[in-house]
């Protein structure tokens, strides 16, 4: 599902114009992004949790030259699905 398809589905299910659905989806993703950038955790009960995982600096290998390189420490966004979300995906 693409963002455009998601906007259409949200618009239909909420009974709102597509422009309003697009604003809502954009505002939601922006709010989650800003919260994670500040180091906060975002929990949507029944859906899942967005947080940031710290990755330590480490040694790596350039596969082309086999030369060892230093990989800087970084932060990576992470999503963990909630139980209700997992259960709905795994229904048979």
PDB file of N, CA and C in Angstrom:
ATOM      1  N   UNK A   1       0.850  -1.170   0.000  1.00  0.00           N
ATOM      2  CA  UNK A   1       0.000   0.000   0.000  1.00  0.00           C
ATOM      3  C   UNK A   1       0.896   1.233   0.000  1.00  0.00           C
ATOM      4  N   UNK A   2       0.611   2.150  -0.903  1.00  0.00           N
ATOM      5  CA  UNK A   2       1.371   3.389  -0.980  1.00  0.00           C
ATOM      6  C   UNK A   2       0.708   4.457  -0.105  1.00  0.00           C
ATOM      7  N   UNK A   3       1.383   5.564   0.047  1.00  0.00           N
ATOM      8  CA  UNK A   3       0.832   6.662   0.840  1.00  0.00           C
ATOM      9  C   UNK A   3      -0.475   7.161   0.224  1.00  0.00           C
ATOM     10  N   UNK A   4      -0.526   7.242  -1.093  1.00  0.00           N
ATOM     11  CA  UNK A   4      -1.741   7.698  -1.780  1.00  0.00           C
ATOM     12  C   UNK A   4      -2.898   6.737  -1.507  1.00  0.00           C
ATOM     13  N   UNK A   5      -2.630   5.447  -1.546  1.00  0.00           N
ATOM     14  CA  UNK A   5      -3.672   4.468  -1.252  1.00  0.00           C
ATOM     15  C   UNK A   5      -4.114   4.552   0.202  1.00  0.00           C
ATOM     16  N   UNK A   6      -3.168   4.775   1.107  1.00  0.00           N
ATOM     17  CA  UNK A   6      -3.497   4.929   2.515  1.00  0.00           C
ATOM     18  C   UNK A   6      -4.398   6.144   2.727  1.00  0.00           C
ATOM     19  N   UNK A   7      -4.084   7.245   2.058  1.00  0.00           N
ATOM     20  CA  UNK A   7      -4.901   8.449   2.164  1.00  0.00           C
ATOM     21  C   UNK A   7      -6.326   8.164   1.697  1.00  0.00           C
ATOM     22  N   UNK A   8      -6.474   7.433   0.614  1.00  0.00           N
ATOM     23  CA  UNK A   8      -7.807   7.084   0.104  1.00  0.00           C
ATOM     24  C   UNK A   8      -8.582   6.239   1.102  1.00  0.00           C
ATOM     25  N   UNK A   9      -7.924   5.252   1.702  1.00  0.00           N
ATOM     26  CA  UNK A   9      -8.588   4.377   2.666  1.00  0.00           C
ATOM     27  C   UNK A   9      -9.004   5.161   3.907  1.00  0.00           C
ATOM     28  N   UNK A  10      -8.104   5.992   4.430  1.00  0.00           N
ATOM     29  CA  UNK A  10      -8.421   6.789   5.616  1.00  0.00           C
ATOM     30  C   UNK A  10      -9.571   7.740   5.311  1.00  0.00           C
ATOM     31  N   UNK A  11      -9.536   8.360   4.148  1.00  0.00           N
ATOM     32  CA  UNK A  11     -10.604   9.267   3.736  1.00  0.00           C
ATOM     33  C   UNK A  11     -11.951   8.558   3.708  1.00  0.00           C
ATOM     34  N   UNK A  12     -11.989   7.377   3.125  1.00  0.00           N
ATOM     35  CA  UNK A  12     -13.240   6.622   3.022  1.00  0.00           C
ATOM     36  C   UNK A  12     -13.735   6.151   4.387  1.00  0.00           C
ATOM     37  N   UNK A  13     -12.824   5.604   5.218  1.00  0.00           N
ATOM     38  CA  UNK A  13     -13.236   5.070   6.520  1.00  0.00           C
ATOM     39  C   UNK A  13     -13.643   6.164   7.492  1.00  0.00           C
ATOM     40  N   UNK A  14     -12.986   7.327   7.427  1.00  0.00           N
ATOM     41  CA  UNK A  14     -13.297   8.416   8.349  1.00  0.00           C
ATOM     42  C   UNK A  14     -14.394   9.330   7.813  1.00  0.00           C
ATOM     43  N   UNK A  15     -14.731   9.183   6.542  1.00  0.00           N
ATOM     44  CA  UNK A  15     -15.758  10.034   5.952  1.00  0.00           C
ATOM     45  C   UNK A  15     -15.329  11.484   5.842  1.00  0.00           C
ATOM     46  N   UNK A  16     -14.049  11.694   5.528  1.00  0.00           N
ATOM     47  CA  UNK A  16     -13.511  13.053   5.386  1.00  0.00           C
ATOM     48  C   UNK A  16     -12.908  13.200   3.995  1.00  0.00           C
ATOM     49  N   UNK A  17     -12.739  14.442   3.539  1.00  0.00           N
ATOM     50  CA  UNK A  17     -12.130  14.641   2.218  1.00  0.00           C
ATOM     51  C   UNK A  17     -10.687  14.138   2.189  1.00  0.00           C
ATOM     52  N   UNK A  18     -10.221  13.779   0.999  1.00  0.00           N
ATOM     53  CA  UNK A  18      -8.857  13.269   0.856  1.00  0.00           C
ATOM     54  C   UNK A  18      -7.825  14.287   1.320  1.00  0.00           C
ATOM     55  N   UNK A  19      -8.080  15.576   1.099  1.00  0.00           N
ATOM     56  CA  UNK A  19      -7.134  16.611   1.527  1.00  0.00           C
ATOM     57  C   UNK A  19      -6.977  16.608   3.044  1.00  0.00           C
ATOM     58  N   UNK A  20      -8.077  16.428   3.759  1.00  0.00           N
ATOM     59  CA  UNK A  20      -8.021  16.381   5.221  1.00  0.00           C
ATOM     60  C   UNK A  20      -7.307  15.120   5.693  1.00  0.00           C
ATOM     61  N   UNK A  21      -7.563  14.002   5.026  1.00  0.00           N
ATOM     62  CA  UNK A  21      -6.889  12.749   5.384  1.00  0.00           C
ATOM     63  C   UNK A  21      -5.390  12.870   5.160  1.00  0.00           C
ATOM     64  N   UNK A  22      -5.003  13.508   4.051  1.00  0.00           N
ATOM     65  CA  UNK A  22      -3.577  13.691   3.767  1.00  0.00           C
ATOM     66  C   UNK A  22      -2.919  14.562   4.830  1.00  0.00           C
ATOM     67  N   UNK A  23      -3.596  15.644   5.240  1.00  0.00           N
ATOM     68  CA  UNK A  23      -3.055  16.509   6.303  1.00  0.00           C
ATOM     69  C   UNK A  23      -2.896  15.733   7.607  1.00  0.00           C
ATOM     70  N   UNK A  24      -3.876  14.901   7.926  1.00  0.00           N
ATOM     71  CA  UNK A  24      -3.821  14.123   9.164  1.00  0.00           C
ATOM     72  C   UNK A  24      -2.670  13.125   9.143  1.00  0.00           C
ATOM     73  N   UNK A  25      -2.505  12.428   8.030  1.00  0.00           N
ATOM     74  CA  UNK A  25      -1.423  11.442   7.919  1.00  0.00           C
ATOM     75  C   UNK A  25      -0.065  12.132   7.960  1.00  0.00           C
ATOM     76  N   UNK A  26       0.069  13.249   7.245  1.00  0.00           N
ATOM     77  CA  UNK A  26       1.331  13.996   7.258  1.00  0.00           C
ATOM     78  C   UNK A  26       1.642  14.520   8.654  1.00  0.00           C
ATOM     79  N   UNK A  27       0.636  15.017   9.358  1.00  0.00           N
ATOM     80  CA  UNK A  27       0.842  15.526  10.715  1.00  0.00           C
ATOM     81  C   UNK A  27       1.257  14.401  11.660  1.00  0.00           C
ATOM     82  N   UNK A  28       0.651  13.228  11.494  1.00  0.00           N
ATOM     83  CA  UNK A  28       0.990  12.086  12.339  1.00  0.00           C
ATOM     84  C   UNK A  28       2.425  11.641  12.129  1.00  0.00           C
ATOM     85  N   UNK A  29       2.823  11.477  10.872  1.00  0.00           N
ATOM     86  CA  UNK A  29       4.193  11.035  10.610  1.00  0.00           C
ATOM     87  C   UNK A  29       5.206  12.087  11.044  1.00  0.00           C
ATOM     88  N   UNK A  30       4.870  13.354  10.877  1.00  0.00           N
ATOM     89  CA  UNK A  30       5.770  14.428  11.311  1.00  0.00           C
ATOM     90  C   UNK A  30       5.912  14.434  12.826  1.00  0.00           C
ATOM     91  N   UNK A  31       4.805  14.254  13.542  1.00  0.00           N
ATOM     92  CA  UNK A  31       4.852  14.239  15.007  1.00  0.00           C
ATOM     93  C   UNK A  31       5.683  13.065  15.518  1.00  0.00           C
ATOM     94  N   UNK A  32       5.523  11.894  14.910  1.00  0.00           N
ATOM     95  CA  UNK A  32       6.308  10.722  15.313  1.00  0.00           C
ATOM     96  C   UNK A  32       7.787  10.961  15.031  1.00  0.00           C
ATOM     97  N   UNK A  33       8.097  11.507  13.855  1.00  0.00           N
ATOM     98  CA  UNK A  33       9.486  11.785  13.483  1.00  0.00           C
ATOM     99  C   UNK A  33      10.128  12.772  14.455  1.00  0.00           C
ATOM    100  N   UNK A  34       9.414  13.844  14.792  1.00  0.00           N
ATOM    101  CA  UNK A  34       9.961  14.848  15.713  1.00  0.00           C
ATOM    102  C   UNK A  34      10.168  14.267  17.105  1.00  0.00           C
ATOM    103  N   UNK A  35       9.244  13.453  17.571  1.00  0.00           N
ATOM    104  CA  UNK A  35       9.384  12.842  18.892  1.00  0.00           C
ATOM    105  C   UNK A  35      10.602  11.924  18.935  1.00  0.00           C
ATOM    106  N   UNK A  36      10.797  11.131  17.887  1.00  0.00           N
ATOM    107  CA  UNK A  36      11.954  10.236  17.851  1.00  0.00           C
ATOM    108  C   UNK A  36      13.255  11.024  17.751  1.00  0.00           C
ATOM    109  N   UNK A  37      13.243  12.127  17.014  1.00  0.00           N
ATOM    110  CA  UNK A  37      14.444  12.952  16.890  1.00  0.00           C
ATOM    111  C   UNK A  37      14.852  13.529  18.243  1.00  0.00           C
ATOM    112  N   UNK A  38      13.870  13.783  19.111  1.00  0.00           N
ATOM    113  CA  UNK A  38      14.158  14.297  20.458  1.00  0.00           C
ATOM    114  C   UNK A  38      14.547  13.181  21.418  1.00  0.00           C
ATOM    115  N   UNK A  39      14.406  11.933  20.980  1.00  0.00           N
ATOM    116  CA  UNK A  39      14.761  10.804  21.840  1.00  0.00           C
ATOM    117  C   UNK A  39      13.572  10.243  22.597  1.00  0.00           C
ATOM    118  N   UNK A  40      12.361  10.724  22.312  1.00  0.00           N
ATOM    119  CA  UNK A  40      11.173  10.217  22.975  1.00  0.00           C
ATOM    120  C   UNK A  40      10.718   8.896  22.348  1.00  0.00           C
ATOM    121  N   UNK A  41       9.857   8.210  23.056  1.00  0.00           N
ATOM    122  CA  UNK A  41       9.261   6.976  22.576  1.00  0.00           C
ATOM    123  C   UNK A  41       7.793   7.273  22.291  1.00  0.00           C
ATOM    124  N   UNK A  42       7.256   6.730  21.197  1.00  0.00           N
ATOM    125  CA  UNK A  42       5.854   6.925  20.831  1.00  0.00           C
ATOM    126  C   UNK A  42       5.156   5.576  20.904  1.00  0.00           C
ATOM    127  N   UNK A  43       4.139   5.484  21.778  1.00  0.00           N
ATOM    128  CA  UNK A  43       3.401   4.241  21.953  1.00  0.00           C
ATOM    129  C   UNK A  43       1.960   4.436  21.520  1.00  0.00           C
ATOM    130  N   UNK A  44       1.516   3.615  20.585  1.00  0.00           N
ATOM    131  CA  UNK A  44       0.123   3.587  20.154  1.00  0.00           C
ATOM    132  C   UNK A  44      -0.437   2.259  20.648  1.00  0.00           C
ATOM    133  N   UNK A  45      -1.195   2.313  21.752  1.00  0.00           N
ATOM    134  CA  UNK A  45      -1.678   1.099  22.395  1.00  0.00           C
ATOM    135  C   UNK A  45      -2.474   0.260  21.405  1.00  0.00           C
ATOM    136  N   UNK A  46      -2.147  -1.008  21.325  1.00  0.00           N
ATOM    137  CA  UNK A  46      -2.797  -1.932  20.415  1.00  0.00           C
ATOM    138  C   UNK A  46      -2.137  -1.990  19.051  1.00  0.00           C
ATOM    139  N   UNK A  47      -1.324  -0.990  18.720  1.00  0.00           N
ATOM    140  CA  UNK A  47      -0.661  -0.964  17.417  1.00  0.00           C
ATOM    141  C   UNK A  47       0.822  -1.271  17.554  1.00  0.00           C
ATOM    142  N   UNK A  48       1.528  -0.468  18.358  1.00  0.00           N
ATOM    143  CA  UNK A  48       2.952  -0.720  18.541  1.00  0.00           C
ATOM    144  C   UNK A  48       3.680   0.466  19.119  1.00  0.00           C
ATOM    145  N   UNK A  49       4.994   0.343  19.196  1.00  0.00           N
ATOM    146  CA  UNK A  49       5.844   1.358  19.788  1.00  0.00           C
ATOM    147  C   UNK A  49       6.966   1.733  18.833  1.00  0.00           C
ATOM    148  N   UNK A  50       7.144   3.034  18.655  1.00  0.00           N
ATOM    149  CA  UNK A  50       8.257   3.570  17.888  1.00  0.00           C
ATOM    150  C   UNK A  50       9.280   4.078  18.896  1.00  0.00           C
ATOM    151  N   UNK A  51      10.550   3.727  18.714  1.00  0.00           N
ATOM    152  CA  UNK A  51      11.607   4.264  19.556  1.00  0.00           C
ATOM    153  C   UNK A  51      12.903   4.321  18.764  1.00  0.00           C
ATOM    154  N   UNK A  52      13.958   4.776  19.432  1.00  0.00           N
ATOM    155  CA  UNK A  52      15.251   4.930  18.778  1.00  0.00           C
ATOM    156  C   UNK A  52      16.249   3.985  19.435  1.00  0.00           C
ATOM    157  N   UNK A  53      16.954   3.225  18.618  1.00  0.00           N
ATOM    158  CA  UNK A  53      17.986   2.315  19.110  1.00  0.00           C
ATOM    159  C   UNK A  53      19.350   2.925  18.806  1.00  0.00           C
ATOM    160  N   UNK A  54      20.217   2.932  19.791  1.00  0.00           N
ATOM    161  CA  UNK A  54      21.571   3.444  19.608  1.00  0.00           C
ATOM    162  C   UNK A  54      22.456   2.321  19.071  1.00  0.00           C
ATOM    163  N   UNK A  55      23.211   2.645  18.055  1.00  0.00           N
ATOM    164  CA  UNK A  55      24.151   1.668  17.489  1.00  0.00           C
ATOM    165  C   UNK A  55      25.558   2.155  17.804  1.00  0.00           C
ATOM    166  N   UNK A  56      26.333   1.326  18.436  1.00  0.00           N
ATOM    167  CA  UNK A  56      27.691   1.696  18.842  1.00  0.00           C
ATOM    168  C   UNK A  56      28.620   1.773  17.633  1.00  0.00           C
ATOM    169  N   UNK A  57      29.691   2.535  17.786  1.00  0.00           N
ATOM    170  CA  UNK A  57      30.724   2.574  16.742  1.00  0.00           C
ATOM    171  C   UNK A  57      31.349   1.185  16.649  1.00  0.00           C
ATOM    172  N   UNK A  58      31.738   0.810  15.446  1.00  0.00           N
ATOM    173  CA  UNK A  58      32.294  -0.526  15.269  1.00  0.00           C
ATOM    174  C   UNK A  58      33.211  -0.569  14.057  1.00  0.00           C
ATOM    175  N   UNK A  59      33.940  -1.660  13.941  1.00  0.00           N
ATOM    176  CA  UNK A  59      34.803  -1.881  12.795  1.00  0.00           C
ATOM    177  C   UNK A  59      34.004  -2.618  11.725  1.00  0.00           C
ATOM    178  N   UNK A  60      34.230  -2.244  10.488  1.00  0.00           N
ATOM    179  CA  UNK A  60      33.580  -2.920   9.379  1.00  0.00           C
ATOM    180  C   UNK A  60      34.614  -3.252   8.320  1.00  0.00           C
ATOM    181  N   UNK A  61      34.191  -3.924   7.271  1.00  0.00           N
ATOM    182  CA  UNK A  61      35.091  -4.292   6.186  1.00  0.00           C
ATOM    183  C   UNK A  61      34.468  -3.836   4.868  1.00  0.00           C
ATOM    184  N   UNK A  62      35.252  -3.114   4.072  1.00  0.00           N
ATOM    185  CA  UNK A  62      34.821  -2.736   2.736  1.00  0.00           C
ATOM    186  C   UNK A  62      34.861  -3.998   1.889  1.00  0.00           C
ATOM    187  N   UNK A  63      33.704  -4.460   1.383  1.00  0.00           N
ATOM    188  CA  UNK A  63      33.697  -5.736   0.661  1.00  0.00           C
ATOM    189  C   UNK A  63      34.487  -5.706  -0.647  1.00  0.00           C
ATOM    190  N   UNK A  64      34.643  -4.540  -1.223  1.00  0.00           N
ATOM    191  CA  UNK A  64      35.365  -4.458  -2.496  1.00  0.00           C
ATOM    192  C   UNK A  64      36.876  -4.547  -2.291  1.00  0.00           C
ATOM    193  N   UNK A  65      37.394  -3.815  -1.261  1.00  0.00           N
ATOM    194  CA  UNK A  65      38.845  -3.764  -1.053  1.00  0.00           C
ATOM    195  C   UNK A  65      39.323  -4.622   0.114  1.00  0.00           C
ATOM    196  N   UNK A  66      38.384  -5.139   0.892  1.00  0.00           N
ATOM    197  CA  UNK A  66      38.691  -5.909   2.110  1.00  0.00           C
ATOM    198  C   UNK A  66      39.436  -5.065   3.149  1.00  0.00           C
ATOM    199  N   UNK A  67      39.376  -3.774   2.999  1.00  0.00           N
ATOM    200  CA  UNK A  67      40.026  -2.857   3.937  1.00  0.00           C
ATOM    201  C   UNK A  67      39.107  -2.641   5.139  1.00  0.00           C
ATOM    202  N   UNK A  68      39.683  -2.613   6.351  1.00  0.00           N
ATOM    203  CA  UNK A  68      38.858  -2.353   7.535  1.00  0.00           C
ATOM    204  C   UNK A  68      38.543  -0.867   7.596  1.00  0.00           C
ATOM    205  N   UNK A  69      37.328  -0.573   7.979  1.00  0.00           N
ATOM    206  CA  UNK A  69      36.899   0.823   8.102  1.00  0.00           C
ATOM    207  C   UNK A  69      36.218   1.008   9.448  1.00  0.00           C
ATOM    208  N   UNK A  70      36.174   2.264   9.904  1.00  0.00           N
ATOM    209  CA  UNK A  70      35.479   2.589  11.139  1.00  0.00           C
ATOM    210  C   UNK A  70      34.073   3.054  10.781  1.00  0.00           C
ATOM    211  N   UNK A  71      33.094   2.465  11.425  1.00  0.00           N
ATOM    212  CA  UNK A  71      31.704   2.870  11.233  1.00  0.00           C
ATOM    213  C   UNK A  71      31.308   3.673  12.461  1.00  0.00           C
ATOM    214  N   UNK A  72      30.826   4.895  12.237  1.00  0.00           N
ATOM    215  CA  UNK A  72      30.473   5.786  13.339  1.00  0.00           C
ATOM    216  C   UNK A  72      29.264   5.271  14.100  1.00  0.00           C
ATOM    217  N   UNK A  73      29.162   5.695  15.354  1.00  0.00           N
ATOM    218  CA  UNK A  73      27.970   5.407  16.144  1.00  0.00           C
ATOM    219  C   UNK A  73      26.798   6.141  15.503  1.00  0.00           C
ATOM    220  N   UNK A  74      25.622   5.543  15.584  1.00  0.00           N
ATOM    221  CA  UNK A  74      24.445   6.171  14.993  1.00  0.00           C
ATOM    222  C   UNK A  74      23.198   5.770  15.764  1.00  0.00           C
ATOM    223  N   UNK A  75      22.103   6.421  15.412  1.00  0.00           N
ATOM    224  CA  UNK A  75      20.806   6.083  15.980  1.00  0.00           C
ATOM    225  C   UNK A  75      19.930   5.565  14.855  1.00  0.00           C
ATOM    226  N   UNK A  76      19.102   4.580  15.173  1.00  0.00           N
ATOM    227  CA  UNK A  76      18.247   3.983  14.161  1.00  0.00           C
ATOM    228  C   UNK A  76      16.816   3.907  14.686  1.00  0.00           C
ATOM    229  N   UNK A  77      15.836   4.399  13.911  1.00  0.00           N
ATOM    230  CA  UNK A  77      14.446   4.267  14.365  1.00  0.00           C
ATOM    231  C   UNK A  77      14.034   2.800  14.341  1.00  0.00           C
ATOM    232  N   UNK A  78      13.161   2.450  15.286  1.00  0.00           N
ATOM    233  CA  UNK A  78      12.751   1.054  15.423  1.00  0.00           C
ATOM    234  C   UNK A  78      11.254   1.015  15.721  1.00  0.00           C
ATOM    235  N   UNK A  79      10.587  -0.006  15.236  1.00  0.00           N
ATOM    236  CA  UNK A  79       9.165  -0.210  15.510  1.00  0.00           C
ATOM    237  C   UNK A  79       8.972  -1.616  16.038  1.00  0.00           C
ATOM    238  N   UNK A  80       8.240  -1.713  17.135  1.00  0.00           N
ATOM    239  CA  UNK A  80       7.885  -3.025  17.683  1.00  0.00           C
ATOM    240  C   UNK A  80       6.371  -3.130  17.706  1.00  0.00           C
ATOM    241  N   UNK A  81       5.846  -4.111  17.020  1.00  0.00           N
ATOM    242  CA  UNK A  81       4.402  -4.288  16.908  1.00  0.00           C
ATOM    243  C   UNK A  81       3.797  -4.694  18.248  1.00  0.00           C
ATOM    244  N   UNK A  82       2.615  -4.162  18.532  1.00  0.00           N
ATOM    245  CA  UNK A  82       1.885  -4.518  19.740  1.00  0.00           C
ATOM    246  C   UNK A  82       1.164  -5.841  19.577  1.00  0.00           C
ATOM    247  N   UNK A  83       0.713  -6.397  20.693  1.00  0.00           N
ATOM    248  CA  UNK A  83       0.080  -7.707  20.682  1.00  0.00           C
ATOM    249  C   UNK A  83      -1.174  -7.729  19.816  1.00  0.00           C
ATOM    250  N   UNK A  84      -2.052  -6.739  19.949  1.00  0.00           N
ATOM    251  CA  UNK A  84      -3.292  -6.718  19.172  1.00  0.00           C
ATOM    252  C   UNK A  84      -2.994  -6.647  17.667  1.00  0.00           C
ATOM    253  N   UNK A  85      -1.980  -5.877  17.303  1.00  0.00           N
ATOM    254  CA  UNK A  85      -1.586  -5.746  15.891  1.00  0.00           C
ATOM    255  C   UNK A  85      -1.054  -7.077  15.374  1.00  0.00           C
ATOM    256  N   UNK A  86      -0.186  -7.722  16.147  1.00  0.00           N
ATOM    257  CA  UNK A  86       0.354  -9.030  15.758  1.00  0.00           C
ATOM    258  C   UNK A  86      -0.760 -10.053  15.605  1.00  0.00           C
ATOM    259  N   UNK A  87      -1.683 -10.050  16.555  1.00  0.00           N
ATOM    260  CA  UNK A  87      -2.781 -11.017  16.522  1.00  0.00           C
ATOM    261  C   UNK A  87      -3.668 -10.808  15.294  1.00  0.00           C
ATOM    262  N   UNK A  88      -3.937  -9.542  14.926  1.00  0.00           N
ATOM    263  CA  UNK A  88      -4.791  -9.291  13.769  1.00  0.00           C
ATOM    264  C   UNK A  88      -4.096  -9.686  12.469  1.00  0.00           C
ATOM    265  N   UNK A  89      -2.777  -9.542  12.410  1.00  0.00           N
ATOM    266  CA  UNK A  89      -2.033  -9.937  11.218  1.00  0.00           C
ATOM    267  C   UNK A  89      -1.967 -11.460  11.103  1.00  0.00           C
ATOM    268  N   UNK A  90      -1.910 -12.137  12.238  1.00  0.00           N
ATOM    269  CA  UNK A  90      -1.766 -13.586  12.227  1.00  0.00           C
ATOM    270  C   UNK A  90      -3.077 -14.349  12.254  1.00  0.00           C
ATOM    271  N   UNK A  91      -4.217 -13.663  12.141  1.00  0.00           N
ATOM    272  CA  UNK A  91      -5.513 -14.364  12.090  1.00  0.00           C
ATOM    273  C   UNK A  91      -5.567 -15.228  10.841  1.00  0.00           C
ATOM    274  N   UNK A  92      -6.173 -16.378  10.983  1.00  0.00           N
ATOM    275  CA  UNK A  92      -6.300 -17.275   9.834  1.00  0.00           C
ATOM    276  C   UNK A  92      -7.727 -17.559   9.532  1.00  0.00           C
TER     277      UNK A  92
END
